[in-house]
Amino acid sequence: TADASKFAPQTKLEDMLKSLVMTVKQIKTEKGCYEVYALDQAGKKINNAYNAETLQQVDNAEAGEG
């Protein structure tokens, strides 16, 4: 759980996801993670969590919740 001042900009994450051909619907901040709701190329719903400081995907999509 990084301090909010150390978070990478959400726009950087959004650009990264768009480069992976994802359509971002919503990004929420949850306990040091960005929780992403998106659609993949096939239109399948995606719910992933990313470390808000490093933008690395977190294994547990529910990591920021609780």
PDB file of N, CA and C in Angstrom:
ATOM      1  N   THR A   1       0.853  -1.188   0.000  1.00  0.00           N
ATOM      2  CA  THR A   1       0.000   0.000   0.000  1.00  0.00           C
ATOM      3  C   THR A   1       0.890   1.238   0.000  1.00  0.00           C
ATOM      4  N   ALA A   2       1.104   1.799  -1.160  1.00  0.00           N
ATOM      5  CA  ALA A   2       1.944   2.976  -1.322  1.00  0.00           C
ATOM      6  C   ALA A   2       1.172   4.238  -0.958  1.00  0.00           C
ATOM      7  N   ASP A   3       1.905   5.262  -0.590  1.00  0.00           N
ATOM      8  CA  ASP A   3       1.299   6.565  -0.339  1.00  0.00           C
ATOM      9  C   ASP A   3       0.768   7.113  -1.662  1.00  0.00           C
ATOM     10  N   ALA A   4      -0.374   7.743  -1.616  1.00  0.00           N
ATOM     11  CA  ALA A   4      -1.022   8.231  -2.843  1.00  0.00           C
ATOM     12  C   ALA A   4      -0.128   9.172  -3.640  1.00  0.00           C
ATOM     13  N   SER A   5       0.787   9.861  -2.982  1.00  0.00           N
ATOM     14  CA  SER A   5       1.690  10.771  -3.695  1.00  0.00           C
ATOM     15  C   SER A   5       2.675  10.019  -4.589  1.00  0.00           C
ATOM     16  N   LYS A   6       2.841   8.717  -4.343  1.00  0.00           N
ATOM     17  CA  LYS A   6       3.770   7.904  -5.135  1.00  0.00           C
ATOM     18  C   LYS A   6       3.074   7.149  -6.260  1.00  0.00           C
ATOM     19  N   PHE A   7       1.757   7.262  -6.338  1.00  0.00           N
ATOM     20  CA  PHE A   7       1.008   6.548  -7.369  1.00  0.00           C
ATOM     21  C   PHE A   7       1.402   7.029  -8.756  1.00  0.00           C
ATOM     22  N   ALA A   8       1.508   6.105  -9.690  1.00  0.00           N
ATOM     23  CA  ALA A   8       1.687   6.465 -11.096  1.00  0.00           C
ATOM     24  C   ALA A   8       0.355   7.034 -11.594  1.00  0.00           C
ATOM     25  N   PRO A   9       0.397   7.943 -12.551  1.00  0.00           N
ATOM     26  CA  PRO A   9      -0.863   8.511 -13.061  1.00  0.00           C
ATOM     27  C   PRO A   9      -1.752   7.437 -13.685  1.00  0.00           C
ATOM     28  N   GLN A  10      -3.058   7.540 -13.441  1.00  0.00           N
ATOM     29  CA  GLN A  10      -4.001   6.593 -14.034  1.00  0.00           C
ATOM     30  C   GLN A  10      -3.924   6.618 -15.553  1.00  0.00           C
ATOM     31  N   THR A  11      -3.630   7.773 -16.117  1.00  0.00           N
ATOM     32  CA  THR A  11      -3.556   7.876 -17.580  1.00  0.00           C
ATOM     33  C   THR A  11      -2.453   6.983 -18.139  1.00  0.00           C
ATOM     34  N   LYS A  12      -1.369   6.829 -17.382  1.00  0.00           N
ATOM     35  CA  LYS A  12      -0.276   5.958 -17.828  1.00  0.00           C
ATOM     36  C   LYS A  12      -0.758   4.506 -17.878  1.00  0.00           C
ATOM     37  N   LEU A  13      -1.522   4.090 -16.853  1.00  0.00           N
ATOM     38  CA  LEU A  13      -2.086   2.743 -16.838  1.00  0.00           C
ATOM     39  C   LEU A  13      -3.080   2.570 -17.979  1.00  0.00           C
ATOM     40  N   GLU A  14      -3.910   3.570 -18.181  1.00  0.00           N
ATOM     41  CA  GLU A  14      -4.918   3.501 -19.245  1.00  0.00           C
ATOM     42  C   GLU A  14      -4.254   3.370 -20.618  1.00  0.00           C
ATOM     43  N   ASP A  15      -3.185   4.122 -20.849  1.00  0.00           N
ATOM     44  CA  ASP A  15      -2.453   4.028 -22.115  1.00  0.00           C
ATOM     45  C   ASP A  15      -1.846   2.633 -22.289  1.00  0.00           C
ATOM     46  N   MET A  16      -1.318   2.082 -21.194  1.00  0.00           N
ATOM     47  CA  MET A  16      -0.723   0.749 -21.234  1.00  0.00           C
ATOM     48  C   MET A  16      -1.784  -0.290 -21.614  1.00  0.00           C
ATOM     49  N   LEU A  17      -2.971  -0.164 -21.023  1.00  0.00           N
ATOM     50  CA  LEU A  17      -4.044  -1.119 -21.307  1.00  0.00           C
ATOM     51  C   LEU A  17      -4.560  -0.973 -22.738  1.00  0.00           C
ATOM     52  N   LYS A  18      -4.653   0.254 -23.213  1.00  0.00           N
ATOM     53  CA  LYS A  18      -5.095   0.484 -24.594  1.00  0.00           C
ATOM     54  C   LYS A  18      -4.109  -0.131 -25.582  1.00  0.00           C
ATOM     55  N   SER A  19      -2.819  -0.110 -25.236  1.00  0.00           N
ATOM     56  CA  SER A  19      -1.817  -0.719 -26.118  1.00  0.00           C
ATOM     57  C   SER A  19      -1.982  -2.235 -26.166  1.00  0.00           C
ATOM     58  N   LEU A  20      -2.637  -2.798 -25.155  1.00  0.00           N
ATOM     59  CA  LEU A  20      -2.935  -4.233 -25.122  1.00  0.00           C
ATOM     60  C   LEU A  20      -4.309  -4.521 -25.727  1.00  0.00           C
ATOM     61  N   VAL A  21      -4.870  -3.533 -26.411  1.00  0.00           N
ATOM     62  CA  VAL A  21      -6.163  -3.606 -27.088  1.00  0.00           C
ATOM     63  C   VAL A  21      -7.290  -3.924 -26.101  1.00  0.00           C
ATOM     64  N   MET A  22      -7.280  -3.205 -24.982  1.00  0.00           N
ATOM     65  CA  MET A  22      -8.367  -3.304 -24.014  1.00  0.00           C
ATOM     66  C   MET A  22      -9.164  -2.009 -24.052  1.00  0.00           C
ATOM     67  N   THR A  23     -10.456  -2.111 -23.831  1.00  0.00           N
ATOM     68  CA  THR A  23     -11.317  -0.945 -23.725  1.00  0.00           C
ATOM     69  C   THR A  23     -11.589  -0.717 -22.244  1.00  0.00           C
ATOM     70  N   VAL A  24     -11.014   0.337 -21.688  1.00  0.00           N
ATOM     71  CA  VAL A  24     -11.151   0.617 -20.262  1.00  0.00           C
ATOM     72  C   VAL A  24     -12.513   1.232 -19.983  1.00  0.00           C
ATOM     73  N   LYS A  25     -13.250   0.627 -19.069  1.00  0.00           N
ATOM     74  CA  LYS A  25     -14.563   1.128 -18.670  1.00  0.00           C
ATOM     75  C   LYS A  25     -14.459   1.984 -17.411  1.00  0.00           C
ATOM     76  N   GLN A  26     -13.651   1.524 -16.448  1.00  0.00           N
ATOM     77  CA  GLN A  26     -13.533   2.232 -15.181  1.00  0.00           C
ATOM     78  C   GLN A  26     -12.230   1.839 -14.500  1.00  0.00           C
ATOM     79  N   ILE A  27     -11.620   2.799 -13.800  1.00  0.00           N
ATOM     80  CA  ILE A  27     -10.468   2.530 -12.955  1.00  0.00           C
ATOM     81  C   ILE A  27     -10.781   3.108 -11.582  1.00  0.00           C
ATOM     82  N   LYS A  28     -10.711   2.252 -10.562  1.00  0.00           N
ATOM     83  CA  LYS A  28     -10.941   2.696  -9.191  1.00  0.00           C
ATOM     84  C   LYS A  28      -9.649   2.520  -8.396  1.00  0.00           C
ATOM     85  N   THR A  29      -9.467   3.346  -7.386  1.00  0.00           N
ATOM     86  CA  THR A  29      -8.324   3.207  -6.494  1.00  0.00           C
ATOM     87  C   THR A  29      -8.792   2.504  -5.228  1.00  0.00           C
ATOM     88  N   GLU A  30      -8.141   1.388  -4.920  1.00  0.00           N
ATOM     89  CA  GLU A  30      -8.499   0.595  -3.741  1.00  0.00           C
ATOM     90  C   GLU A  30      -7.238   0.176  -3.009  1.00  0.00           C
ATOM     91  N   LYS A  31      -6.974   0.773  -1.867  1.00  0.00           N
ATOM     92  CA  LYS A  31      -5.868   0.364  -0.974  1.00  0.00           C
ATOM     93  C   LYS A  31      -4.550   0.143  -1.700  1.00  0.00           C
ATOM     94  N   GLY A  32      -4.080   1.144  -2.408  1.00  0.00           N
ATOM     95  CA  GLY A  32      -2.784   1.058  -3.065  1.00  0.00           C
ATOM     96  C   GLY A  32      -2.790   0.345  -4.402  1.00  0.00           C
ATOM     97  N   CYS A  33      -3.966  -0.011  -4.888  1.00  0.00           N
ATOM     98  CA  CYS A  33      -4.089  -0.667  -6.192  1.00  0.00           C
ATOM     99  C   CYS A  33      -5.057   0.116  -7.061  1.00  0.00           C
ATOM    100  N   TYR A  34      -4.839   0.009  -8.360  1.00  0.00           N
ATOM    101  CA  TYR A  34      -5.841   0.468  -9.310  1.00  0.00           C
ATOM    102  C   TYR A  34      -6.638  -0.763  -9.710  1.00  0.00           C
ATOM    103  N   GLU A  35      -7.927  -0.715  -9.498  1.00  0.00           N
ATOM    104  CA  GLU A  35      -8.798  -1.806  -9.932  1.00  0.00           C
ATOM    105  C   GLU A  35      -9.393  -1.413 -11.272  1.00  0.00           C
ATOM    106  N   VAL A  36      -9.147  -2.247 -12.273  1.00  0.00           N
ATOM    107  CA  VAL A  36      -9.517  -1.922 -13.646  1.00  0.00           C
ATOM    108  C   VAL A  36     -10.667  -2.804 -14.109  1.00  0.00           C
ATOM    109  N   TYR A  37     -11.678  -2.149 -14.654  1.00  0.00           N
ATOM    110  CA  TYR A  37     -12.786  -2.830 -15.310  1.00  0.00           C
ATOM    111  C   TYR A  37     -12.665  -2.490 -16.782  1.00  0.00           C
ATOM    112  N   ALA A  38     -12.512  -3.518 -17.614  1.00  0.00           N
ATOM    113  CA  ALA A  38     -12.262  -3.292 -19.034  1.00  0.00           C
ATOM    114  C   ALA A  38     -12.850  -4.422 -19.855  1.00  0.00           C
ATOM    115  N   LEU A  39     -12.768  -4.263 -21.168  1.00  0.00           N
ATOM    116  CA  LEU A  39     -13.158  -5.311 -22.110  1.00  0.00           C
ATOM    117  C   LEU A  39     -11.940  -5.657 -22.953  1.00  0.00           C
ATOM    118  N   ASP A  40     -11.744  -6.960 -23.205  1.00  0.00           N
ATOM    119  CA  ASP A  40     -10.645  -7.351 -24.086  1.00  0.00           C
ATOM    120  C   ASP A  40     -11.097  -7.280 -25.542  1.00  0.00           C
ATOM    121  N   GLN A  41     -10.221  -7.696 -26.450  1.00  0.00           N
ATOM    122  CA  GLN A  41     -10.526  -7.633 -27.886  1.00  0.00           C
ATOM    123  C   GLN A  41     -11.808  -8.355 -28.248  1.00  0.00           C
ATOM    124  N   ALA A  42     -12.093  -9.456 -27.564  1.00  0.00           N
ATOM    125  CA  ALA A  42     -13.265 -10.268 -27.867  1.00  0.00           C
ATOM    126  C   ALA A  42     -14.523  -9.745 -27.168  1.00  0.00           C
ATOM    127  N   GLY A  43     -14.376  -8.674 -26.381  1.00  0.00           N
ATOM    128  CA  GLY A  43     -15.520  -8.120 -25.675  1.00  0.00           C
ATOM    129  C   GLY A  43     -15.763  -8.764 -24.318  1.00  0.00           C
ATOM    130  N   LYS A  44     -14.818  -9.609 -23.880  1.00  0.00           N
ATOM    131  CA  LYS A  44     -14.927 -10.280 -22.582  1.00  0.00           C
ATOM    132  C   LYS A  44     -14.585  -9.295 -21.466  1.00  0.00           C
ATOM    133  N   LYS A  45     -15.385  -9.318 -20.392  1.00  0.00           N
ATOM    134  CA  LYS A  45     -15.139  -8.422 -19.262  1.00  0.00           C
ATOM    135  C   LYS A  45     -13.878  -8.839 -18.523  1.00  0.00           C
ATOM    136  N   ILE A  46     -13.086  -7.841 -18.171  1.00  0.00           N
ATOM    137  CA  ILE A  46     -11.839  -8.055 -17.448  1.00  0.00           C
ATOM    138  C   ILE A  46     -11.911  -7.254 -16.152  1.00  0.00           C
ATOM    139  N   ASN A  47     -11.488  -7.852 -15.055  1.00  0.00           N
ATOM    140  CA  ASN A  47     -11.388  -7.158 -13.780  1.00  0.00           C
ATOM    141  C   ASN A  47     -10.023  -7.500 -13.207  1.00  0.00           C
ATOM    142  N   ASN A  48      -9.063  -6.578 -13.346  1.00  0.00           N
ATOM    143  CA  ASN A  48      -7.705  -6.802 -12.873  1.00  0.00           C
ATOM    144  C   ASN A  48      -7.309  -5.709 -11.896  1.00  0.00           C
ATOM    145  N   ALA A  49      -6.383  -6.057 -11.018  1.00  0.00           N
ATOM    146  CA  ALA A  49      -5.821  -5.078 -10.095  1.00  0.00           C
ATOM    147  C   ALA A  49      -4.362  -4.854 -10.456  1.00  0.00           C
ATOM    148  N   TYR A  50      -3.932  -3.593 -10.344  1.00  0.00           N
ATOM    149  CA  TYR A  50      -2.547  -3.217 -10.652  1.00  0.00           C
ATOM    150  C   TYR A  50      -1.992  -2.410  -9.484  1.00  0.00           C
ATOM    151  N   ASN A  51      -0.742  -2.681  -9.133  1.00  0.00           N
ATOM    152  CA  ASN A  51      -0.070  -1.896  -8.105  1.00  0.00           C
ATOM    153  C   ASN A  51      -0.052  -0.450  -8.572  1.00  0.00           C
ATOM    154  N   ALA A  52      -0.559   0.460  -7.759  1.00  0.00           N
ATOM    155  CA  ALA A  52      -0.710   1.857  -8.173  1.00  0.00           C
ATOM    156  C   ALA A  52       0.623   2.577  -8.312  1.00  0.00           C
ATOM    157  N   GLU A  53       1.664   2.040  -7.705  1.00  0.00           N
ATOM    158  CA  GLU A  53       2.981   2.682  -7.789  1.00  0.00           C
ATOM    159  C   GLU A  53       3.785   2.163  -8.983  1.00  0.00           C
ATOM    160  N   THR A  54       3.757   0.830  -9.193  1.00  0.00           N
ATOM    161  CA  THR A  54       4.587   0.224 -10.243  1.00  0.00           C
ATOM    162  C   THR A  54       3.801  -0.115 -11.507  1.00  0.00           C
ATOM    163  N   LEU A  55       2.474  -0.136 -11.413  1.00  0.00           N
ATOM    164  CA  LEU A  55       1.569  -0.525 -12.498  1.00  0.00           C
ATOM    165  C   LEU A  55       1.738  -1.984 -12.908  1.00  0.00           C
ATOM    166  N   GLN A  56       2.331  -2.792 -12.026  1.00  0.00           N
ATOM    167  CA  GLN A  56       2.422  -4.222 -12.291  1.00  0.00           C
ATOM    168  C   GLN A  56       1.118  -4.878 -11.874  1.00  0.00           C
ATOM    169  N   GLN A  57       0.672  -5.845 -12.669  1.00  0.00           N
ATOM    170  CA  GLN A  57      -0.570  -6.529 -12.359  1.00  0.00           C
ATOM    171  C   GLN A  57      -0.410  -7.336 -11.078  1.00  0.00           C
ATOM    172  N   VAL A  58      -1.416  -7.279 -10.228  1.00  0.00           N
ATOM    173  CA  VAL A  58      -1.452  -8.030  -8.990  1.00  0.00           C
ATOM    174  C   VAL A  58      -2.183  -9.336  -9.267  1.00  0.00           C
ATOM    175  N   ASP A  59      -1.670 -10.436  -8.723  1.00  0.00           N
ATOM    176  CA  ASP A  59      -2.264 -11.752  -8.988  1.00  0.00           C
ATOM    177  C   ASP A  59      -3.718 -11.833  -8.573  1.00  0.00           C
ATOM    178  N   ASN A  60      -4.055 -11.228  -7.446  1.00  0.00           N
ATOM    179  CA  ASN A  60      -5.410 -11.318  -6.916  1.00  0.00           C
ATOM    180  C   ASN A  60      -6.196 -10.066  -7.293  1.00  0.00           C
ATOM    181  N   ALA A  61      -7.172 -10.205  -8.164  1.00  0.00           N
ATOM    182  CA  ALA A  61      -7.948  -9.051  -8.615  1.00  0.00           C
ATOM    183  C   ALA A  61      -8.735  -8.408  -7.480  1.00  0.00           C
ATOM    184  N   GLU A  62      -8.941  -9.151  -6.403  1.00  0.00           N
ATOM    185  CA  GLU A  62      -9.681  -8.621  -5.259  1.00  0.00           C
ATOM    186  C   GLU A  62      -8.724  -8.044  -4.206  1.00  0.00           C
ATOM    187  N   ALA A  63      -7.444  -7.932  -4.520  1.00  0.00           N
ATOM    188  CA  ALA A  63      -6.438  -7.517  -3.538  1.00  0.00           C
ATOM    189  C   ALA A  63      -6.736  -6.162  -2.914  1.00  0.00           C
ATOM    190  N   GLY A  64      -7.277  -5.268  -3.686  1.00  0.00           N
ATOM    191  CA  GLY A  64      -7.533  -3.933  -3.169  1.00  0.00           C
ATOM    192  C   GLY A  64      -8.811  -3.822  -2.365  1.00  0.00           C
ATOM    193  N   GLU A  65      -9.608  -4.861  -2.375  1.00  0.00           N
ATOM    194  CA  GLU A  65     -10.900  -4.799  -1.674  1.00  0.00           C
ATOM    195  C   GLU A  65     -10.779  -5.354  -0.271  1.00  0.00           C
ATOM    196  N   GLY A  66     -11.733  -4.965   0.569  1.00  0.00           N
ATOM    197  CA  GLY A  66     -11.760  -5.604   1.869  1.00  0.00           C
ATOM    198  C   GLY A  66     -11.881  -4.680   2.985  1.00  0.00           C
TER     199      GLY A  66
END
